[in-house]
Protein backbone atom coordinates (compact mmCIF):
# COMPACT_ATOMS: atom_id res chain seq x y z
CA MET A 1 34.71 50.74 174.89
CA PHE A 2 32.59 48.53 172.58
CA ALA A 3 29.84 51.20 172.63
CA ILE A 4 32.37 53.60 171.09
CA LEU A 5 34.35 51.30 168.77
CA ALA A 6 31.36 49.54 167.16
CA PRO A 7 29.55 52.66 165.85
CA PHE A 8 32.90 54.29 165.01
CA THR A 9 34.08 51.32 162.91
CA CYS A 10 30.72 50.80 161.19
CA GLY A 11 30.12 54.51 160.61
CA LEU A 12 33.60 55.14 159.22
CA SER A 13 33.31 52.05 156.99
CA PHE A 14 29.94 53.23 155.61
CA PHE A 15 31.34 56.72 155.05
CA LEU A 16 34.53 55.63 153.24
CA LEU A 17 32.62 53.06 151.18
CA GLY A 18 30.14 55.79 150.22
CA MET A 19 32.98 58.11 149.19
CA TYR A 20 34.50 55.31 147.10
CA ALA A 21 31.17 54.46 145.42
CA MET A 22 30.42 58.10 144.65
CA ARG A 23 33.94 58.70 143.35
CA THR A 24 33.74 55.58 141.15
CA GLY A 25 30.38 56.70 139.75
CA PHE A 26 31.67 60.17 138.94
CA GLN A 27 34.88 58.76 137.44
CA ASN A 28 32.92 56.46 135.15
CA LEU A 29 30.79 59.41 134.05
CA ALA A 30 33.62 61.86 133.41
CA GLY A 31 36.81 60.49 134.96
CA LYS A 32 38.50 59.64 131.67
CA LYS A 33 38.41 63.32 130.74
CA MET A 34 39.99 64.46 134.01
CA ALA A 35 43.56 64.15 132.78
CA ASP A 36 42.68 65.99 129.55
CA TRP A 37 41.03 68.81 131.50
CA LEU A 38 43.98 69.14 133.83
CA GLY A 39 46.41 69.19 130.92
CA ARG A 40 44.49 71.51 128.57
CA PHE A 41 42.74 74.10 130.69
CA THR A 42 45.58 75.23 132.95
CA ARG A 43 46.97 78.06 130.85
CA THR A 44 46.35 80.71 133.50
CA PRO A 45 46.17 80.51 137.33
CA VAL A 46 42.43 81.29 137.21
CA HIS A 47 41.78 78.46 134.72
CA SER A 48 43.88 76.13 136.87
CA PHE A 49 41.91 77.16 139.96
CA TRP A 50 38.57 76.29 138.34
CA VAL A 51 39.92 73.00 136.98
CA GLY A 52 41.11 72.06 140.49
CA LEU A 53 37.75 73.04 142.00
CA LEU A 54 35.61 71.15 139.47
CA THR A 55 37.75 68.00 139.37
CA THR A 56 37.78 67.85 143.18
CA PHE A 57 33.99 68.09 143.19
CA VAL A 58 33.74 65.32 140.56
CA LEU A 59 36.29 63.00 142.20
CA GLN A 60 35.13 63.94 145.74
CA SER A 61 38.73 63.97 146.96
CA SER A 62 41.36 66.71 146.99
CA SER A 63 43.97 63.99 147.58
CA ALA A 64 42.86 62.14 144.43
CA VAL A 65 43.19 65.31 142.32
CA THR A 66 46.61 66.09 143.83
CA VAL A 67 47.83 62.54 143.19
CA LEU A 68 46.50 62.78 139.59
CA THR A 69 48.33 66.10 139.19
CA ILE A 70 51.54 64.52 140.55
CA GLY A 71 51.18 61.75 137.96
CA LEU A 72 50.74 64.28 135.12
CA THR A 73 53.76 66.36 136.19
CA HIS A 74 55.86 63.21 136.50
CA ALA A 75 54.82 62.26 132.93
CA GLY A 76 55.76 65.74 131.71
CA MET A 77 52.19 66.54 130.61
CA ILE A 78 51.97 69.64 132.78
CA SER A 79 54.60 71.93 134.35
CA PHE A 80 54.76 72.54 138.09
CA SER A 81 54.02 76.28 137.74
CA ARG A 82 50.60 75.43 136.26
CA THR A 83 49.68 73.18 139.17
CA VAL A 84 49.64 75.87 141.88
CA GLY A 85 46.23 77.12 140.74
CA ILE A 86 44.94 73.52 140.69
CA ILE A 87 46.05 73.04 144.31
CA LEU A 88 44.27 76.24 145.36
CA GLY A 89 41.13 75.05 143.57
CA THR A 90 41.16 71.63 145.27
CA ASN A 91 40.99 73.30 148.68
CA VAL A 92 37.79 75.10 147.68
CA GLY A 93 36.32 72.07 145.88
CA THR A 94 36.60 69.89 148.98
CA THR A 95 34.28 72.25 150.90
CA VAL A 96 31.36 71.22 148.63
CA THR A 97 31.30 67.77 150.27
CA THR A 98 31.44 69.35 153.74
CA GLU A 99 28.53 71.67 152.99
CA LEU A 100 26.47 68.71 151.69
CA MET A 101 27.25 66.70 154.84
CA ALA A 102 26.11 69.59 157.02
CA LEU A 103 22.62 69.63 155.46
CA ARG A 104 21.61 66.82 157.85
CA LEU A 105 20.09 64.54 155.23
CA GLU A 106 20.47 61.36 157.34
CA SER A 107 16.73 60.61 157.08
CA PHE A 108 17.21 60.16 153.30
CA ALA A 109 20.18 57.77 153.72
CA VAL A 110 18.31 54.47 153.35
CA PRO A 111 15.97 55.66 150.52
CA MET A 112 18.97 57.05 148.61
CA LEU A 113 20.85 53.79 149.12
CA LEU A 114 17.89 51.72 147.87
CA VAL A 115 17.30 53.98 144.85
CA GLY A 116 21.02 53.91 144.06
CA VAL A 117 21.16 50.10 144.19
CA ALA A 118 18.04 49.86 142.00
CA LEU A 119 19.61 52.19 139.40
CA TRP A 120 22.89 50.28 139.56
CA LEU A 121 21.06 47.05 138.63
CA MET A 122 19.77 48.63 135.40
CA PRO A 123 21.44 47.56 132.12
CA ARG A 124 22.38 51.05 130.82
CA ARG A 125 25.88 52.23 131.77
CA LEU A 126 24.83 55.84 132.40
CA THR A 127 22.05 54.73 134.76
CA ARG A 128 24.44 52.41 136.61
CA CYS A 129 26.93 55.26 137.13
CA ILE A 130 24.21 57.57 138.46
CA GLY A 131 23.12 54.73 140.75
CA LEU A 132 26.63 54.50 142.19
CA VAL A 133 26.67 58.24 142.92
CA VAL A 134 23.22 58.16 144.60
CA ALA A 135 24.09 55.02 146.61
CA GLY A 136 27.39 56.65 147.59
CA PHE A 137 25.57 59.67 148.99
CA GLY A 138 23.23 57.32 150.86
CA LEU A 139 26.15 55.45 152.44
CA ILE A 140 27.84 58.72 153.41
CA PHE A 141 24.76 59.97 155.26
CA LEU A 142 24.24 56.52 156.82
CA GLY A 143 27.85 56.63 158.02
CA ILE A 144 27.36 60.10 159.53
CA ASP A 145 24.22 58.92 161.32
CA THR A 146 26.07 55.88 162.70
CA LEU A 147 29.08 57.93 163.80
CA GLN A 148 26.80 60.13 165.91
CA VAL A 149 25.89 57.09 168.05
CA MET A 150 29.36 57.15 169.62
CA ALA A 151 28.99 60.74 170.82
CA LYS A 152 27.07 59.91 174.02
CA PRO A 153 29.50 57.18 175.28
CA LEU A 154 32.41 59.50 174.46
CA GLU A 155 30.82 62.29 176.46
CA GLN A 156 30.67 59.97 179.49
CA SER A 157 34.26 58.72 179.05
CA ASP A 158 36.72 60.01 181.68
CA ALA A 159 39.67 59.75 179.27
CA PHE A 160 37.88 61.76 176.59
CA ARG A 161 36.72 64.34 179.14
CA SER A 162 40.30 64.90 180.28
CA LEU A 163 41.48 65.22 176.66
CA PHE A 164 38.62 67.61 175.95
CA LEU A 165 39.50 69.75 178.97
CA GLU A 166 43.12 69.91 177.80
CA SER A 167 42.09 70.87 174.27
CA ARG A 168 40.06 73.75 175.68
CA HIS A 169 43.32 75.23 176.96
CA SER A 170 45.24 74.52 173.75
CA VAL A 171 43.86 74.33 170.23
CA TRP A 172 47.15 72.71 169.24
CA ILE A 173 45.81 69.38 170.58
CA GLY A 174 42.79 69.69 168.27
CA LEU A 175 45.06 70.61 165.33
CA ILE A 176 47.36 67.60 165.90
CA THR A 177 44.35 65.29 166.43
CA GLY A 178 42.85 66.30 163.08
CA LEU A 179 46.23 66.03 161.34
CA VAL A 180 47.13 62.55 162.66
CA PHE A 181 43.65 61.05 162.27
CA THR A 182 43.29 62.30 158.68
CA ALA A 183 46.77 61.06 157.77
CA LEU A 184 45.82 57.60 159.10
CA ILE A 185 42.46 57.25 157.32
CA HIS A 186 43.33 59.36 154.22
CA SER A 187 40.08 61.35 154.33
CA SER A 188 39.65 64.87 155.69
CA SER A 189 35.92 64.61 154.91
CA ALA A 190 35.60 61.65 157.29
CA THR A 191 37.42 63.56 160.03
CA THR A 192 35.09 66.52 159.49
CA ALA A 193 32.04 64.23 159.57
CA ILE A 194 33.12 62.77 162.93
CA THR A 195 33.73 66.28 164.28
CA MET A 196 30.25 67.35 163.14
CA GLY A 197 28.75 64.35 164.93
CA LEU A 198 30.49 65.28 168.18
CA MET A 199 29.48 68.92 167.79
CA SER A 200 25.82 68.00 167.30
CA HIS A 201 25.93 66.49 170.82
CA GLN A 202 27.91 69.46 172.19
CA VAL A 203 30.86 67.22 173.08
CA LEU A 204 33.39 69.67 171.58
CA SER A 205 33.70 73.43 171.73
CA MET A 206 33.54 75.22 168.38
CA GLU A 207 37.18 76.38 168.64
CA THR A 208 38.35 72.80 169.24
CA ALA A 209 36.21 71.50 166.35
CA LEU A 210 37.62 74.14 163.99
CA ALA A 211 41.18 73.30 165.10
CA ILE A 212 40.51 69.64 164.24
CA VAL A 213 39.23 70.69 160.80
CA LEU A 214 42.35 72.82 160.22
CA GLY A 215 44.47 69.84 161.23
CA ALA A 216 42.52 67.66 158.79
CA ASN A 217 43.43 70.11 156.00
CA ILE A 218 47.11 69.44 156.74
CA GLY A 219 46.68 65.69 157.25
CA THR A 220 45.08 65.23 153.84
CA CYS A 221 48.42 66.20 152.26
CA PHE A 222 50.04 63.02 153.61
CA THR A 223 48.64 61.00 150.69
CA ALA A 224 50.23 63.38 148.19
CA ILE A 225 53.63 63.18 149.91
CA ILE A 226 53.51 59.38 149.79
CA ALA A 227 52.50 59.48 146.10
CA SER A 228 55.45 61.77 145.27
CA ILE A 229 58.09 59.34 146.60
CA GLY A 230 60.33 58.18 143.78
CA THR A 231 59.00 60.75 141.29
CA ASN A 232 60.75 63.68 139.63
CA ALA A 233 61.34 67.12 141.17
CA ALA A 234 58.22 68.69 139.62
CA SER A 235 56.00 66.02 141.19
CA ARG A 236 57.64 66.47 144.60
CA GLN A 237 57.14 70.22 144.24
CA VAL A 238 53.37 69.65 143.68
CA ALA A 239 53.12 67.56 146.85
CA TRP A 240 55.09 69.99 149.00
CA CYS A 241 53.29 73.01 147.57
CA HIS A 242 49.98 71.46 148.66
CA THR A 243 51.41 70.63 152.10
CA LEU A 244 53.12 73.96 152.76
CA PHE A 245 50.11 75.96 151.58
CA ASN A 246 47.71 74.08 153.86
CA LEU A 247 50.16 74.25 156.76
CA ALA A 248 50.70 78.00 156.34
CA GLY A 249 46.94 78.64 156.07
CA ALA A 250 46.18 76.59 159.20
CA LEU A 251 48.89 78.31 161.26
CA ALA A 252 47.77 81.75 160.03
CA PHE A 253 44.13 81.11 161.02
CA LEU A 254 44.84 79.30 164.31
CA PRO A 255 45.05 82.50 166.46
CA PHE A 256 41.74 83.71 164.97
CA LEU A 257 39.58 80.64 165.65
CA PRO A 258 37.31 82.50 168.13
CA GLN A 259 36.61 85.17 165.49
CA LEU A 260 36.02 82.50 162.82
CA ALA A 261 33.63 80.70 165.17
CA LEU A 262 31.83 83.98 165.87
CA VAL A 263 31.37 84.76 162.16
CA SER A 264 30.05 81.24 161.43
CA SER A 265 27.62 81.51 164.38
CA PHE A 266 26.08 84.61 162.76
CA LEU A 267 25.45 82.63 159.56
CA THR A 268 23.58 79.71 161.17
CA ASP A 269 22.51 78.24 164.52
CA SER A 270 23.34 74.65 163.52
CA PRO A 271 26.76 73.51 164.90
CA SER A 272 27.34 71.25 161.86
CA MET A 273 26.57 74.07 159.44
CA GLN A 274 28.84 76.38 161.45
CA ILE A 275 31.75 73.96 160.95
CA ALA A 276 30.97 73.66 157.22
CA HIS A 277 30.69 77.43 156.74
CA ALA A 278 33.86 78.08 158.77
CA GLN A 279 35.82 75.58 156.67
CA THR A 280 34.45 77.14 153.48
CA LEU A 281 35.40 80.65 154.66
CA PHE A 282 38.88 79.43 155.60
CA ASN A 283 39.57 77.55 152.35
CA VAL A 284 38.03 80.15 150.04
CA GLY A 285 39.78 82.99 151.90
CA CYS A 286 43.21 81.31 151.75
CA SER A 287 42.86 80.28 148.11
CA LEU A 288 41.62 83.64 146.81
CA ALA A 289 44.29 85.49 148.81
CA ALA A 290 47.01 83.30 147.28
CA LEU A 291 45.64 83.18 143.71
CA PRO A 292 47.27 86.45 142.50
CA PHE A 293 50.65 85.22 143.77
CA THR A 294 50.83 81.79 142.11
CA ARG A 295 54.07 82.64 140.29
CA GLN A 296 55.77 83.75 143.51
CA ILE A 297 54.48 80.66 145.34
CA ALA A 298 55.78 78.42 142.55
CA ALA A 299 59.19 80.13 142.65
CA ALA A 300 59.38 79.76 146.45
CA VAL A 301 58.51 76.03 146.31
CA GLN A 302 61.03 75.48 143.50
CA TRP A 303 63.66 77.12 145.70
CA LEU A 304 62.71 74.93 148.69
CA VAL A 305 62.47 71.73 146.59
CA PRO A 306 65.09 72.27 143.88
CA ASP A 307 65.58 70.19 140.74
CA ARG A 308 69.15 68.95 141.22
CA LYS A 309 69.37 67.52 137.69
CA ARG A 310 68.70 70.93 136.13
CA ARG A 311 71.36 72.55 138.30
CA ARG A 312 73.93 70.13 136.91
């Protein structure tokens, strides 16, 4: 058990600390303008989509962008109808991190960490921010490398083998696993990183791994739901729009996981890259398919989560 828990705890800690450092660095570079961008450049669904994509890349967290959007709607700075495009954009923006993780840059983890720390010690603010971003990337790759250590003990575990055999018969187990784990640790990227580590040792089948990633897409909405508690109707509508969209997309793609796995296998031989490409195809496909119908989606969510004060 220690052979599994030790690398898991250390690897996850490195990964989440790296995400925090990188996010802090990006926020210090451009974070103060995020609220202005979200408020100004959301006149059309396409503009909102690009704002959601770019801010998610900068903040390295779709949950952070959704929570920021909830805060802006609660303050009355942006209407709910404008946020649908942002939500669609966040789902695409989060795939950038996954694609970077799949490049297998673990050998650069320590050099990047050292360079980042050296830059962070410099007196200039800009250099310090860049140092945080570089060190954050280093910690992320170090975390991924550490997480892979637990793959071999897991493969030899009887309990995990039985769970794995069950998940082969039902992708629902993989979906629920990804959902619950992501809701607990508040990071779909970390869940995806762990899944990539297991896939690199052929512990999981591709269909199971993709089901976990789909579940992670739903689980990441838990942070937004928590953030919307006690807010106005528009803010609750943002949170539930994000949740319902990710849930509908995951359920729609679930029967087609073998086909999605087959397409990603044609693109690359690397299991990690296959997961990254499959997630990108899923998120981009869902978002682009929904983009022309943002008004209808907004109307449907407003019907499901009504503003009782307006009705009075």
